[in-house]
Amino acid sequence: MVKRGAYYLTLTGAVSAAYLAAVLAFNFVLRVGAVTDSAWFPVVFALAVLLLLNPLRTRVQGFVDRVFFGTNYDGAQVLAEVGAALAQARQRDQVESIVTACLQRTIPNEGTRLFVSGVAPTGLAPLEGGAVIASAVAERFANGRVVTVLDAPEGDADPALHAATRATLAAIGATVAVPMVAHGELMGALTLGPKRSGFFYTAGDADLLRAVAHEAAIALQHAVAYERIVEMNANLEARIRERTAELEVANHELGDTLRELQAAESQLVHSEKMASLGRLVAGVAHEINNPVSFIANSVAPLKNRLAKAAGAEPEAAAKILAEAGEIVDIMANGAQRAAAIVKDLRSFSRLDEATRKCVDVHEGLEVSLRLLEHRWRGRITVERDYGTLPSIDCDPGQINQVFVNILANACDALGESGTLTVSTRAEGDVVRVVIRDDGPGIPRDVRARIFDPFFTTKDVGAGTGLGLSISHGIISAHGGRVEVESEPGQGAAFTIVLPVHAAALDTKVARGGR
């Protein structure tokens, strides 16, 4: 009230003095009546006074503020400067530095501090730590009311909380506490100590502090969000590094596992091949035993005839030698038969080679049929329908293994009798080998699993369930495919499609399965 009274009294005096000075100036400079009697003079004179009044009022108000309250700042300019600076702040300590520096220049006081939420477990606390404004007192700032140490207790509904508030402000050395609220959220409180000039805080100071606190609250809100983003990015980068390290370890482990699996698959293919060879050897053992036994049994008669021929007359010797020649021919046939069987076994196993080469598909089929002859001779009719085929680029040992596996399954499916048909055709850049039987066929629920590893419909000990799986893997490794057609009671047909010129690949390891 004193300020406003002094302000209006001084302003009235200044305006009156200015008005009188203007009248005197016009009277002194201009001739009386020459200009003043004009109808436009009052209008021009009033406009001139109005133009001088606003600057005069501003200067008078600044003078009164400096004299009565030690105030010397332009609020609009201060807000513009602090708003521009806070717009660039990205951290809470930057906001605190900008606000405290601005208010210390604008309203010099014993201590401008920012108490913010989130620093202490409860209440409001400075960023650097220290005294805490308790939660009960901090709740008083939520309504946006400026709190001072001069507030009368009669205006407070809670005397105990009023006393606690005054004690808190005294403890932190504050005279005024201005809440910092942004979008309905209490971000903290702005506190100022006593003015260094010794004057009281004015209503104009309170308005300025509210505006600065509001801008500071928004800046704090943005800074908190930015710090959270930075923290999240740091955590994310740490998690990415951790996950990358885990992935590298997992990749190494997967690489080791893959190499172990490849070695196991290679060993599995080799074991199945040796098992197939063993079954073939067991089956053809008697085929070799017959000619070998005949040769062994024919040695003694041959020796007897040669001994008799040595001491007999020429005519008798010639007859004996002729008989010996017949025995030798029979022995030669047996030896050729044994050699052919050994050659077929060697062609099947290809123990002396493990590379790709151009081979005759029909030769591989015939070798496989001859090796399995003991399983179909006398009970199964084998029909051949061969077309004209080019030589194909493949691993002959693996392809022969496929032929033997599928032919052996067909022989097992036919039981005591039936017909096995093997047909071949060339179609463009591929050859097709169809092995068909007129057996009972493959059930529909089984057909989708016949290429799965270890799946078999045979009795325990009669099969490993790897033959078709490995065969499928071998053909796939050669760039081909295996097709199956079967209906219950109508037999089954396995079609092997192989490219004539396969792409470069490693056929040393043919992986089973689909």
Protein backbone atom coordinates (compact mmCIF):
# COMPACT_ATOMS: atom_id res chain seq x y z
CA MET A 1 0.00 0.00 0.00
CA VAL A 2 2.83 2.36 0.86
CA LYS A 3 4.52 1.51 -2.43
CA ARG A 4 1.41 2.06 -4.48
CA GLY A 5 0.62 5.34 -2.64
CA ALA A 6 4.13 6.61 -3.19
CA TYR A 7 4.04 5.45 -6.78
CA TYR A 8 0.75 7.21 -7.60
CA LEU A 9 1.72 10.35 -5.65
CA THR A 10 5.05 10.60 -7.44
CA LEU A 11 3.47 9.81 -10.80
CA THR A 12 0.77 12.47 -10.31
CA GLY A 13 3.36 15.04 -9.35
CA ALA A 14 5.54 14.16 -12.30
CA VAL A 15 2.68 14.32 -14.75
CA SER A 16 1.47 17.65 -13.33
CA ALA A 17 4.96 19.05 -13.47
CA ALA A 18 5.38 17.84 -17.02
CA TYR A 19 2.05 19.31 -18.01
CA LEU A 20 2.87 22.71 -16.49
CA ALA A 21 6.31 22.63 -18.06
CA ALA A 22 4.76 21.96 -21.46
CA VAL A 23 2.29 24.85 -21.03
CA LEU A 24 5.02 27.22 -19.99
CA ALA A 25 7.18 26.06 -22.87
CA PHE A 26 4.44 26.71 -25.37
CA ASN A 27 3.69 30.09 -23.84
CA PHE A 28 7.33 31.04 -23.87
CA VAL A 29 8.17 29.82 -27.33
CA LEU A 30 4.96 30.64 -29.13
CA ARG A 31 3.02 33.87 -29.18
CA VAL A 32 -0.08 33.67 -27.08
CA GLY A 33 -3.12 33.44 -29.23
CA ALA A 34 -1.31 32.73 -32.45
CA VAL A 35 -1.36 28.96 -31.97
CA THR A 36 -3.29 28.35 -28.80
CA ASP A 37 -6.45 29.84 -30.22
CA SER A 38 -6.46 27.22 -32.97
CA ALA A 39 -9.07 24.43 -32.78
CA TRP A 40 -6.34 21.79 -33.36
CA PHE A 41 -4.11 22.96 -30.52
CA PRO A 42 -5.90 21.04 -27.71
CA VAL A 43 -5.77 17.82 -29.75
CA VAL A 44 -2.09 18.18 -30.63
CA PHE A 45 -1.24 19.17 -27.09
CA ALA A 46 -3.09 16.15 -25.62
CA LEU A 47 -1.31 13.77 -28.03
CA ALA A 48 2.04 15.23 -27.09
CA VAL A 49 1.31 14.75 -23.39
CA LEU A 50 0.19 11.15 -23.97
CA LEU A 51 3.36 10.36 -25.89
CA LEU A 52 5.43 11.62 -22.99
CA LEU A 53 3.26 10.00 -20.28
CA ASN A 54 4.12 6.26 -20.82
CA PRO A 55 7.94 6.69 -20.75
CA LEU A 56 7.49 8.98 -17.82
CA ARG A 57 5.32 6.45 -16.02
CA THR A 58 7.89 3.69 -16.62
CA ARG A 59 10.73 5.78 -15.30
CA VAL A 60 8.70 6.88 -12.28
CA GLN A 61 7.76 3.26 -11.49
CA GLY A 62 11.40 2.18 -11.79
CA PHE A 63 12.44 5.04 -9.54
CA VAL A 64 9.85 4.12 -6.88
CA ASP A 65 10.88 0.45 -7.04
CA ARG A 66 14.53 1.29 -6.58
CA VAL A 67 13.85 3.72 -3.75
CA PHE A 68 11.29 1.68 -1.79
CA PHE A 69 12.22 -1.94 -2.62
CA GLY A 70 15.61 -1.94 -4.30
CA THR A 71 14.10 -3.47 -7.47
CA ASN A 72 15.85 -2.84 -10.75
CA TYR A 73 14.83 -5.30 -13.48
CA ASP A 74 12.56 -5.65 -16.49
CA GLY A 75 10.38 -8.71 -15.88
CA ALA A 76 9.55 -9.36 -19.54
CA GLN A 77 13.20 -9.19 -20.52
CA VAL A 78 14.23 -11.48 -17.66
CA LEU A 79 11.61 -14.07 -18.64
CA ALA A 80 12.68 -13.94 -22.29
CA GLU A 81 16.34 -14.48 -21.37
CA VAL A 82 15.74 -17.30 -18.91
CA GLY A 83 13.23 -18.99 -21.24
CA ALA A 84 15.73 -18.99 -24.13
CA ALA A 85 18.44 -20.41 -21.87
CA LEU A 86 16.18 -23.11 -20.38
CA ALA A 87 15.10 -24.21 -23.86
CA GLN A 88 18.68 -25.37 -24.46
CA ALA A 89 19.04 -27.22 -21.13
CA ARG A 90 19.09 -31.01 -21.29
CA GLN A 91 20.01 -31.88 -17.70
CA ARG A 92 18.63 -30.89 -14.32
CA ASP A 93 21.91 -29.41 -13.09
CA GLN A 94 21.91 -27.11 -16.14
CA VAL A 95 18.38 -25.96 -15.27
CA GLU A 96 19.46 -25.27 -11.70
CA SER A 97 22.52 -23.30 -12.82
CA ILE A 98 20.51 -21.14 -15.27
CA VAL A 99 17.72 -20.35 -12.80
CA THR A 100 19.94 -19.59 -9.82
CA ALA A 101 22.31 -17.41 -11.89
CA CYS A 102 19.38 -15.47 -13.39
CA LEU A 103 17.65 -14.82 -10.07
CA GLN A 104 20.86 -13.89 -8.31
CA ARG A 105 21.38 -11.20 -10.95
CA THR A 106 17.75 -10.09 -11.04
CA ILE A 107 16.87 -10.30 -7.34
CA PRO A 108 20.12 -10.50 -5.36
CA ASN A 109 19.47 -12.60 -2.27
CA GLU A 110 21.25 -14.73 0.28
CA GLY A 111 20.69 -18.02 -1.54
CA THR A 112 18.63 -19.22 -4.52
CA ARG A 113 18.19 -22.98 -4.51
CA LEU A 114 16.17 -25.61 -6.38
CA PHE A 115 14.58 -28.47 -4.47
CA VAL A 116 13.39 -31.17 -6.89
CA SER A 117 11.50 -34.40 -6.61
CA GLY A 118 13.11 -37.77 -7.26
CA VAL A 119 16.45 -37.00 -5.59
CA ALA A 120 15.48 -38.15 -2.12
CA PRO A 121 13.24 -41.16 -1.40
CA THR A 122 10.54 -38.76 -0.17
CA GLY A 123 9.98 -35.03 -0.30
CA LEU A 124 12.07 -32.49 -2.19
CA ALA A 125 15.87 -32.21 -2.08
CA PRO A 126 18.64 -30.26 -3.87
CA LEU A 127 20.41 -32.01 -6.72
CA GLU A 128 23.71 -31.97 -4.84
CA GLY A 129 22.04 -33.39 -1.72
CA GLY A 130 21.55 -31.84 1.69
CA ALA A 131 18.49 -30.63 3.57
CA VAL A 132 15.18 -32.13 2.51
CA ILE A 133 11.74 -30.54 2.38
CA ALA A 134 9.51 -33.14 3.97
CA SER A 135 6.64 -34.64 2.00
CA ALA A 136 4.00 -33.03 4.23
CA VAL A 137 5.44 -29.57 3.59
CA ALA A 138 6.05 -30.31 -0.11
CA GLU A 139 2.38 -31.17 -0.54
CA ARG A 140 1.53 -27.54 0.29
CA PHE A 141 3.24 -26.49 -2.96
CA ALA A 142 1.04 -28.70 -5.14
CA ASN A 143 -1.66 -26.02 -5.33
CA GLY A 144 0.81 -23.48 -6.72
CA ARG A 145 0.68 -21.14 -3.69
CA VAL A 146 3.79 -19.09 -2.88
CA VAL A 147 4.86 -19.70 0.73
CA THR A 148 6.84 -17.16 2.78
CA VAL A 149 8.12 -16.97 6.33
CA LEU A 150 5.87 -13.94 6.84
CA ASP A 151 2.61 -15.81 6.19
CA ALA A 152 0.22 -15.28 9.09
CA PRO A 153 -0.80 -18.45 10.95
CA GLU A 154 -4.39 -17.20 11.13
CA GLY A 155 -4.77 -17.78 7.37
CA ASP A 156 -3.68 -21.44 7.58
CA ALA A 157 -6.21 -24.17 8.36
CA ASP A 158 -3.50 -26.43 9.82
CA PRO A 159 -1.46 -24.58 12.48
CA ALA A 160 0.89 -27.54 12.99
CA LEU A 161 1.66 -27.78 9.27
CA HIS A 162 2.12 -24.00 9.17
CA ALA A 163 4.66 -24.22 11.97
CA ALA A 164 6.43 -27.11 10.22
CA THR A 165 6.57 -25.08 7.02
CA ARG A 166 8.11 -22.07 8.75
CA ALA A 167 10.60 -24.35 10.51
CA THR A 168 11.54 -25.97 7.21
CA LEU A 169 12.06 -22.61 5.48
CA ALA A 170 14.15 -21.42 8.42
CA ALA A 171 16.23 -24.61 8.30
CA ILE A 172 17.11 -24.16 4.63
CA GLY A 173 17.63 -20.40 4.99
CA ALA A 174 14.74 -19.46 2.70
CA THR A 175 12.39 -16.49 2.90
CA VAL A 176 10.22 -17.36 -0.11
CA ALA A 177 9.35 -20.78 -1.60
CA VAL A 178 7.74 -20.89 -5.03
CA PRO A 179 6.30 -24.21 -6.28
CA MET A 180 7.47 -25.52 -9.67
CA VAL A 181 4.45 -27.19 -11.27
CA ALA A 182 4.28 -28.42 -14.90
CA HIS A 183 1.21 -30.08 -16.41
CA GLY A 184 -0.22 -30.69 -12.94
CA GLU A 185 2.95 -32.41 -11.69
CA LEU A 186 4.98 -30.94 -8.80
CA MET A 187 8.58 -30.93 -10.08
CA GLY A 188 10.04 -29.12 -7.06
CA ALA A 189 10.27 -25.77 -5.30
CA LEU A 190 12.29 -22.62 -5.94
CA THR A 191 13.52 -20.99 -2.72
CA LEU A 192 15.16 -17.60 -2.19
CA GLY A 193 16.83 -16.19 0.89
CA PRO A 194 16.46 -12.60 2.22
CA LYS A 195 17.19 -9.82 -0.23
CA ARG A 196 20.65 -8.35 0.08
CA SER A 197 19.11 -4.90 -0.18
CA GLY A 198 17.20 -5.57 3.03
CA PHE A 199 13.83 -4.86 1.38
CA PHE A 200 10.80 -7.17 1.33
CA TYR A 201 9.73 -9.23 -1.67
CA THR A 202 6.98 -7.46 -3.62
CA ALA A 203 3.95 -8.71 -5.51
CA GLY A 204 5.86 -8.00 -8.72
CA ASP A 205 8.67 -10.21 -7.44
CA ALA A 206 6.17 -12.96 -6.72
CA ASP A 207 4.74 -12.73 -10.23
CA LEU A 208 8.23 -12.93 -11.74
CA LEU A 209 9.18 -15.86 -9.49
CA ARG A 210 5.99 -17.74 -10.44
CA ALA A 211 6.74 -17.30 -14.14
CA VAL A 212 10.40 -18.36 -13.74
CA ALA A 213 9.36 -21.33 -11.58
CA HIS A 214 6.84 -22.42 -14.21
CA GLU A 215 9.45 -22.29 -16.99
CA ALA A 216 11.95 -24.08 -14.74
CA ALA A 217 9.38 -26.80 -13.99
CA ILE A 218 8.81 -27.43 -17.70
CA ALA A 219 12.58 -27.49 -18.28
CA LEU A 220 13.01 -29.93 -15.37
CA GLN A 221 10.29 -32.15 -16.78
CA HIS A 222 12.05 -32.21 -20.15
CA ALA A 223 15.43 -32.77 -18.48
CA VAL A 224 14.06 -35.71 -16.48
CA ALA A 225 12.65 -37.24 -19.66
CA TYR A 226 15.94 -36.66 -21.48
CA GLU A 227 17.96 -38.19 -18.61
CA ARG A 228 15.66 -41.20 -18.63
CA ILE A 229 16.18 -41.57 -22.38
CA VAL A 230 19.95 -41.32 -21.91
CA GLU A 231 19.80 -43.87 -19.12
CA MET A 232 17.63 -46.16 -21.22
CA ASN A 233 20.05 -45.80 -24.14
CA ALA A 234 22.97 -46.60 -21.87
CA ASN A 235 21.14 -49.61 -20.45
CA LEU A 236 20.13 -50.63 -23.95
CA GLU A 237 23.70 -50.35 -25.20
CA ALA A 238 24.91 -52.36 -22.20
CA ARG A 239 22.25 -54.99 -22.86
CA ILE A 240 23.17 -55.02 -26.54
CA ARG A 241 26.84 -55.54 -25.66
CA GLU A 242 25.88 -58.23 -23.19
CA ARG A 243 23.54 -59.90 -25.65
CA THR A 244 26.17 -59.62 -28.41
CA ALA A 245 28.70 -61.33 -26.15
CA GLU A 246 26.14 -64.03 -25.36
CA LEU A 247 25.39 -64.45 -29.06
CA GLU A 248 29.09 -64.74 -29.84
CA VAL A 249 29.45 -67.45 -27.20
CA ALA A 250 26.31 -69.14 -28.51
CA ASN A 251 27.63 -68.90 -32.08
CA HIS A 252 30.88 -70.54 -31.02
CA GLU A 253 28.95 -73.25 -29.23
CA LEU A 254 26.66 -73.70 -32.23
CA GLY A 255 29.70 -73.88 -34.49
CA ASP A 256 31.23 -76.57 -32.30
CA THR A 257 27.89 -78.39 -32.18
CA LEU A 258 27.53 -78.11 -35.95
CA ARG A 259 30.97 -79.55 -36.50
CA GLU A 260 30.18 -82.38 -34.09
CA LEU A 261 26.88 -83.01 -35.88
CA GLN A 262 28.60 -83.02 -39.26
CA ALA A 263 31.16 -85.48 -37.95
CA ALA A 264 28.36 -87.60 -36.45
CA GLU A 265 26.40 -87.45 -39.71
CA SER A 266 29.46 -88.48 -41.68
CA GLN A 267 30.05 -91.33 -39.26
CA LEU A 268 26.36 -92.24 -39.44
CA VAL A 269 26.45 -92.41 -43.24
CA HIS A 270 29.61 -94.48 -43.13
CA SER A 271 28.14 -96.78 -40.48
CA GLU A 272 24.95 -97.29 -42.47
CA LYS A 273 26.99 -97.97 -45.58
CA MET A 274 29.09 -100.53 -43.72
CA ALA A 275 25.91 -102.06 -42.30
CA SER A 276 24.44 -102.32 -45.79
CA LEU A 277 27.69 -103.82 -47.03
CA GLY A 278 27.68 -106.26 -44.14
CA ARG A 279 24.13 -107.36 -44.92
CA LEU A 280 25.07 -107.80 -48.56
CA VAL A 281 28.18 -109.74 -47.68
CA ALA A 282 26.18 -112.01 -45.41
CA GLY A 283 23.67 -112.55 -48.20
CA VAL A 284 26.18 -113.28 -50.94
CA ALA A 285 28.53 -115.31 -48.78
CA HIS A 286 27.03 -118.55 -49.99
CA GLU A 287 27.20 -117.22 -53.57
CA ILE A 288 30.95 -116.95 -53.19
CA ASN A 289 31.19 -120.12 -51.13
CA ASN A 290 29.74 -122.34 -53.89
CA PRO A 291 32.35 -121.60 -56.58
CA VAL A 292 35.15 -121.47 -54.02
CA SER A 293 34.10 -124.84 -52.59
CA PHE A 294 33.86 -126.32 -56.06
CA ILE A 295 37.32 -125.04 -56.90
CA ALA A 296 38.71 -126.46 -53.65
CA ASN A 297 37.00 -129.82 -54.25
CA SER A 298 38.25 -129.92 -57.84
CA VAL A 299 41.92 -129.53 -57.00
CA ALA A 300 42.43 -133.15 -55.87
CA PRO A 301 40.75 -134.74 -58.94
CA LEU A 302 42.74 -132.39 -61.13
CA LYS A 303 45.98 -133.47 -59.49
CA ASN A 304 45.05 -137.18 -59.87
CA ARG A 305 44.33 -136.76 -63.54
CA LEU A 306 47.52 -134.85 -64.12
CA ALA A 307 49.48 -137.59 -62.30
CA LYS A 308 47.83 -140.31 -64.38
CA ALA A 309 48.47 -138.39 -67.56
CA ALA A 310 52.12 -138.15 -66.70
CA GLY A 311 52.59 -141.98 -66.63
CA ALA A 312 50.02 -143.03 -69.21
CA GLU A 313 50.37 -143.75 -72.85
CA PRO A 314 49.93 -140.82 -75.21
CA GLU A 315 46.43 -141.79 -76.23
CA ALA A 316 45.31 -142.33 -72.63
CA ALA A 317 47.15 -139.17 -71.53
CA ALA A 318 45.30 -137.09 -74.08
CA LYS A 319 41.97 -138.33 -72.77
CA ILE A 320 42.99 -137.68 -69.16
CA LEU A 321 44.22 -134.19 -70.06
CA ALA A 322 40.92 -133.45 -71.78
CA GLU A 323 39.08 -134.36 -68.56
CA ALA A 324 41.53 -132.18 -66.64
CA GLY A 325 40.80 -129.33 -69.03
CA GLU A 326 37.08 -129.64 -68.35
CA ILE A 327 37.77 -129.46 -64.63
CA VAL A 328 39.97 -126.40 -65.20
CA ASP A 329 37.19 -124.73 -67.20
CA ILE A 330 34.69 -125.38 -64.44
CA MET A 331 37.17 -124.02 -61.89
CA ALA A 332 37.73 -120.96 -64.09
CA ASN A 333 33.98 -120.32 -64.28
CA GLY A 334 33.74 -120.55 -60.51
CA ALA A 335 36.68 -118.22 -60.08
CA GLN A 336 35.11 -115.73 -62.52
CA ARG A 337 31.84 -115.93 -60.62
CA ALA A 338 33.62 -115.25 -57.33
CA ALA A 339 35.62 -112.42 -58.92
CA ALA A 340 32.41 -110.87 -60.33
CA ILE A 341 30.77 -110.94 -56.92
CA VAL A 342 33.83 -109.34 -55.33
CA LYS A 343 33.89 -106.74 -58.09
CA ASP A 344 30.21 -105.93 -57.51
CA LEU A 345 30.82 -105.56 -53.79
CA ARG A 346 33.77 -103.32 -54.52
CA SER A 347 31.68 -101.24 -56.93
CA PHE A 348 29.03 -100.85 -54.28
CA SER A 349 31.39 -99.84 -51.50
CA ARG A 350 33.79 -97.83 -53.73
CA LEU A 351 36.38 -98.15 -51.00
CA ASP A 352 39.08 -96.93 -53.35
CA GLU A 353 37.35 -93.70 -54.33
CA ALA A 354 35.24 -90.97 -52.71
CA THR A 355 35.01 -88.42 -55.46
CA ARG A 356 32.49 -87.46 -58.06
CA LYS A 357 32.82 -88.78 -61.57
CA CYS A 358 30.74 -89.50 -64.64
CA VAL A 359 29.08 -92.88 -64.23
CA ASP A 360 26.57 -95.08 -66.00
CA VAL A 361 23.32 -95.28 -64.02
CA HIS A 362 22.42 -98.65 -65.57
CA GLU A 363 25.72 -100.14 -64.42
CA GLY A 364 24.98 -99.04 -60.85
CA LEU A 365 21.48 -100.52 -61.03
CA GLU A 366 22.80 -103.84 -62.36
CA VAL A 367 25.48 -104.03 -59.67
CA SER A 368 22.85 -103.39 -57.01
CA LEU A 369 20.48 -106.02 -58.48
CA ARG A 370 23.25 -108.60 -58.65
CA LEU A 371 24.28 -107.98 -55.06
CA LEU A 372 20.65 -108.40 -53.97
CA GLU A 373 20.04 -111.43 -56.20
CA HIS A 374 19.99 -113.80 -53.24
CA ARG A 375 17.00 -111.82 -51.87
CA TRP A 376 14.82 -111.93 -54.99
CA ARG A 377 15.97 -114.95 -56.99
CA GLY A 378 13.30 -117.61 -57.23
CA ARG A 379 10.45 -115.55 -55.74
CA ILE A 380 10.43 -112.07 -57.35
CA THR A 381 10.33 -111.22 -61.01
CA VAL A 382 12.59 -108.36 -61.94
CA GLU A 383 11.63 -106.40 -65.02
CA ARG A 384 13.92 -103.81 -66.62
CA ASP A 385 12.68 -100.94 -68.73
CA TYR A 386 15.83 -98.99 -69.47
CA GLY A 387 15.91 -95.92 -71.67
CA THR A 388 18.90 -94.24 -73.22
CA LEU A 389 20.68 -92.29 -70.51
CA PRO A 390 23.73 -90.02 -70.54
CA SER A 391 26.44 -90.45 -67.94
CA ILE A 392 25.74 -88.37 -64.86
CA ASP A 393 28.10 -86.49 -62.59
CA CYS A 394 27.82 -88.00 -59.10
CA ASP A 395 29.49 -89.91 -56.30
CA PRO A 396 28.95 -93.50 -57.54
CA GLY A 397 29.39 -95.09 -54.12
CA GLN A 398 26.63 -92.97 -52.58
CA ILE A 399 24.28 -93.40 -55.55
CA ASN A 400 24.78 -97.19 -55.44
CA GLN A 401 23.94 -97.07 -51.74
CA VAL A 402 20.65 -95.32 -52.58
CA PHE A 403 19.81 -97.96 -55.23
CA VAL A 404 20.54 -100.83 -52.82
CA ASN A 405 18.51 -99.26 -49.98
CA ILE A 406 15.40 -98.71 -52.12
CA LEU A 407 15.69 -102.08 -53.95
CA ALA A 408 16.16 -103.91 -50.64
CA ASN A 409 13.05 -102.20 -49.19
CA ALA A 410 11.08 -103.24 -52.29
CA CYS A 411 12.23 -106.85 -51.92
CA ASP A 412 11.18 -106.84 -48.25
CA ALA A 413 7.79 -105.32 -49.14
CA LEU A 414 7.01 -107.99 -51.78
CA GLY A 415 7.24 -110.87 -49.37
CA GLU A 416 7.12 -114.37 -50.99
CA SER A 417 6.31 -113.24 -54.54
CA GLY A 418 5.76 -110.22 -56.71
CA THR A 419 7.13 -108.10 -59.50
CA LEU A 420 9.85 -105.47 -59.24
CA THR A 421 10.11 -103.04 -62.14
CA VAL A 422 13.10 -100.78 -62.70
CA SER A 423 12.70 -98.12 -65.41
CA THR A 424 14.90 -95.21 -66.46
CA ARG A 425 14.29 -92.16 -68.62
CA ALA A 426 16.21 -89.05 -69.63
CA GLU A 427 14.21 -85.80 -69.46
CA GLY A 428 16.19 -82.75 -70.48
CA ASP A 429 18.94 -82.10 -67.96
CA VAL A 430 17.78 -84.78 -65.51
CA VAL A 431 17.43 -88.55 -65.43
CA ARG A 432 14.58 -90.36 -63.71
CA VAL A 433 14.96 -93.79 -62.11
CA VAL A 434 11.67 -95.39 -61.05
CA ILE A 435 11.73 -98.46 -58.77
CA ARG A 436 8.20 -99.86 -58.55
CA ASP A 437 6.81 -102.89 -56.70
CA ASP A 438 3.34 -104.39 -56.64
CA GLY A 439 3.38 -105.04 -52.92
CA PRO A 440 0.89 -103.91 -50.25
CA GLY A 441 1.87 -100.22 -50.55
CA ILE A 442 2.56 -97.62 -47.85
CA PRO A 443 -0.23 -96.50 -45.48
CA ARG A 444 -1.14 -92.83 -45.71
CA ASP A 445 -0.32 -92.15 -42.04
CA VAL A 446 3.16 -93.60 -42.55
CA ARG A 447 4.01 -92.05 -45.92
CA ALA A 448 4.82 -88.61 -44.48
CA ARG A 449 7.40 -90.09 -42.07
CA ILE A 450 9.31 -92.59 -44.18
CA PHE A 451 12.24 -90.19 -44.66
CA ASP A 452 12.50 -89.32 -40.95
CA PRO A 453 15.68 -90.58 -39.28
CA PHE A 454 15.25 -93.77 -37.26
CA PHE A 455 11.67 -94.28 -38.41
CA THR A 456 10.98 -97.84 -39.51
CA THR A 457 8.01 -100.17 -39.80
CA LYS A 458 10.22 -103.26 -39.63
CA ASP A 459 10.58 -105.45 -36.58
CA VAL A 460 13.21 -104.64 -33.95
CA GLY A 461 16.61 -105.68 -35.24
CA ALA A 462 15.43 -105.87 -38.85
CA GLY A 463 16.15 -102.23 -39.71
CA THR A 464 17.71 -99.06 -38.33
CA GLY A 465 15.31 -96.57 -39.92
CA LEU A 466 18.21 -94.77 -41.58
CA GLY A 467 18.16 -96.22 -45.09
CA LEU A 468 15.58 -93.93 -46.67
CA SER A 469 16.65 -90.96 -44.54
CA ILE A 470 20.24 -91.20 -45.72
CA SER A 471 19.11 -91.92 -49.27
CA HIS A 472 17.02 -88.75 -49.24
CA GLY A 473 20.01 -86.78 -47.93
CA ILE A 474 22.35 -88.21 -50.59
CA ILE A 475 20.01 -87.36 -53.47
CA SER A 476 19.40 -83.86 -52.05
CA ALA A 477 23.16 -83.32 -51.74
CA HIS A 478 23.45 -84.14 -55.45
CA GLY A 479 20.81 -81.52 -56.31
CA GLY A 480 18.08 -84.08 -56.96
CA ARG A 481 14.94 -85.27 -55.21
CA VAL A 482 13.09 -88.44 -54.24
CA GLU A 483 9.37 -88.74 -54.98
CA VAL A 484 7.02 -91.38 -53.58
CA GLU A 485 3.76 -92.62 -55.00
CA SER A 486 1.80 -95.26 -53.13
CA GLU A 487 -1.72 -96.36 -52.41
CA PRO A 488 -2.63 -99.13 -49.99
CA GLY A 489 -2.88 -102.45 -51.87
CA GLN A 490 -1.43 -100.98 -55.09
CA GLY A 491 2.29 -101.09 -54.41
CA ALA A 492 4.76 -98.25 -54.18
CA ALA A 493 6.94 -96.36 -56.63
CA PHE A 494 10.09 -94.46 -55.64
CA THR A 495 11.26 -91.99 -58.30
CA ILE A 496 14.85 -90.78 -58.10
CA VAL A 497 15.48 -87.57 -60.06
CA LEU A 498 19.14 -86.67 -60.59
CA PRO A 499 20.66 -83.81 -62.59
CA VAL A 500 23.06 -84.81 -65.33
CA HIS A 501 25.47 -82.03 -64.33
CA ALA A 502 25.11 -81.36 -60.63
CA ALA A 503 26.29 -78.11 -59.10
CA ALA A 504 29.56 -78.15 -57.21
CA LEU A 505 28.97 -79.51 -53.72
CA ASP A 506 30.59 -81.68 -51.11
CA THR A 507 29.12 -85.15 -51.25
CA LYS A 508 31.48 -86.58 -48.64
CA VAL A 509 28.80 -85.91 -46.06
CA ALA A 510 25.24 -86.62 -47.18
CA ARG A 511 22.87 -85.53 -44.46
CA GLY A 512 19.84 -87.62 -43.75
CA GLY A 513 16.36 -86.28 -43.26
CA ARG A 514 14.25 -83.84 -45.17
